[in-house]
Amino acid sequence: MRYVVTGGTGFIGRRVVSRLLDTQPDADVWVLVRRPSLGRFEALAAGWGERAKPLVGDLIDADLGLSTEAIAELGDVEHVVHCAAIYDITAAEAEQRAANVDGTRAVIELARRLDATLHHMSSIAVAGDFRGEYTEADFDVGQQLPTPYHQTKFEAELLVRETPGLRYRIYRPAVVVGDSRTGEMDKIDGPYYFFGVLSKLAALPRFTPLVLPDVGRSNIVPVDYVANALVALLHTDGVDGQAFHLIALKTIGLRGIYRGIGATAGLPPLRGSLPRSIAAPVLKVRGRPKVWRNAVTTQLGIPAEILDVVDLAPTFTCEQTQQALRGTGIEVPDFGSYAPALWRYWAEHLDPDRARRDDPAGPLVGKHIVITGASSGIGRASAIAIAERGGCVFALARNGKALDDLVAEIRAGGGQAYAFSCDVTDSASVEHTVKDILGRFDHVDYLVNNAGRSIRRSVVNSTERLHDYERVMAVNYFGAVRMVLALLPHWRERRFGHVVNVSSAGVQANNPKYSAYLPTKAALDAFAQVVATETLSDHITFTNIHMPLVATPMIAPSRRLNPVPAISAEHAAAMVVRGLVDKPTRIDTPVGTLAEAGFYFAPKLSRRILHQLYLGYPDSAAARGIAAPE
């Protein structure tokens, strides 16, 4: 027996293909697949075997992009199973219409040319806002269709029903969730939108007197039931022209979902219920209050469109489906029996905030951390400290030999580290390095912007040295910004990222002779503070460390001319680790804070004190243009 399946690499379709091959030993299945998706088909075909074959085309192309020769090569196809569609209530109307309506029209024509029975995957969404009992024999009952998804699914089913001479069967699944055995799901949809909010309740003590409103009325079915039922109904004799409701026998609301996942998610038990009348106005709100409601729920990860359809209006029946499946052993399971599997899979694979979770063994264990300027000084010490705490270090610098030595030392101690030669002043170098890291290691959790350059020279000796200011800005500011911009799209996709900027306490103190250096750090501080206000909902955060003077090779030319003692690189690394673990907005030192306060409360006195430091600690010989003795 020969079959053509559209959407055969999709969430429902691939399970239909698997079920056909498992239950029909003589089945040959052609899967309509777009050319860019051939790789996905080949991966699935490794498990399907040679009886599954690609049919290269596209749902939105004329005639599905299939030539007359390609259709002729299919031979005597008996069944066309149309699973391809956009099952996303938040998708754009034009996109849904192209796939759901125009695509169905093309599949109908293919079924007619093949003289095959069309098995059309519709949806209970065709019932729209109809209030009352909606049977499998019902279709157009004067209902309103509240979203483009409802509208396009209705129009697609209408095309199937009104095509002359077409043999067809229609399947209307309810809200389809993950596999009832494994929990596997391909995306966040339907009830999954509420999992993120519910997960935050797990932090509450078990004795919390939690109450939830009795809202929401949905019908949920696992994907394996949908696939198994469809394949069984596909081979049932004498049911052409009928529709089948692939639904649960009972609807479920927010409280039912909570109870189903509660124990597995570690949620406090429900202690009571709020009247439906309290929450109903929030769901039915209109005008400006609706805009405010949508703004709040969107930040919680719940699309506004979901709130408008969370209460299912119709009551669905499924007598025809139950009658046809009697004796097959295929029954829809109770939500509570498979809800724990759904939650576990979501928490491990779909939770948008899973990247933010700490490993129980330690907050840096398994984290991927990029450190610029890692070949010496603060960067080197930080890399070692992070690796000792279980972090995976991606060490960046221009000095390849020094990086190799660092990586060897970390690995000798049992840590993980990888060297990447990168010049942060070169956009191409940064872009290549970030792509290399993401391609090899999948993701980056943290960035330590440590690469820096310092010049200690009074401004009177710099009047003909504008290039000093440009060179320092290129590394300290633009280099750091370049790294952030390169990683930002990746972090937005993962909904997590944290940047530790190694700034300077001099930004607070306004140390003289650092007019080339300190403004670059002040600019980086301001950049981080501004960007942090924009990326808050993306969970991308920043820590600015106002680092005191550190004993590193960078300060060697002026070490004896600095008025305060330097801390060790290891001490500085501990501050970097704190920035990664605790993620404060800023880390200051007492001296820096005191200096900053002085400028607020006694600006003239502070300036006079700093002027005395300027007079008392002269420029180095090199800064004054005096060559070092040979």
Foldseek 3Di string as FASTA:
>chain_A
DEEEEECCLPDLNVLLLVLCVVPPVPYQYEYEDEPVCVVSVVVSCVVSDDSYHYQYFQLLDALRRHDPVSLVVRPQHAEYEYPWADPAQPDDLVRRLSRLASSLLSSQVSCVVNVYEYEYEAAPLQQAQDAEEDEQPDGPPPHDRDGSNSVSSSNSVVSQLPDPPHWYEYEHEWAEFAALVQLDDDAQDDPSLCLLVQLVQLPPDLPPADEEAFDFWGWYFYSSLVSNLSSLVVPFPDQTPTYFYNTDPGIDGPLRLCVLAVVLSNHHDHNYYDYNVVCVCLLVPDDPSLVVSQVVSVLSRHHSSCSPCRHPRYDYDGVVSCVSCPPVPRDTDDSSSRSNSNSVCCLVPPNLCNLVDADPLARQAAAEEEEEPLLWFLNVLLQLVSQVSHHAYEYEEQPPVSQVVSQVVSVVVVGHYDYQYADLLDLVRLLVVVCVCCVVPVAHFEYELDFFAFFQAAVVLCPVPVVLLVVRLSRLASSVVSNCVSRVVVLLSSLHHEYEYEAALCLLQVAGRGPSHNVSRVNNLVVQVVVCVVCVSSHYHYEYERAYAEPIPNCVQCQVLDPDHHHYSNVSSVVVVCCSRVVDNYHYDPVSVVSNVCCVPPVVVSVVVSVVSDVVRDDGCVSNVHDDDD
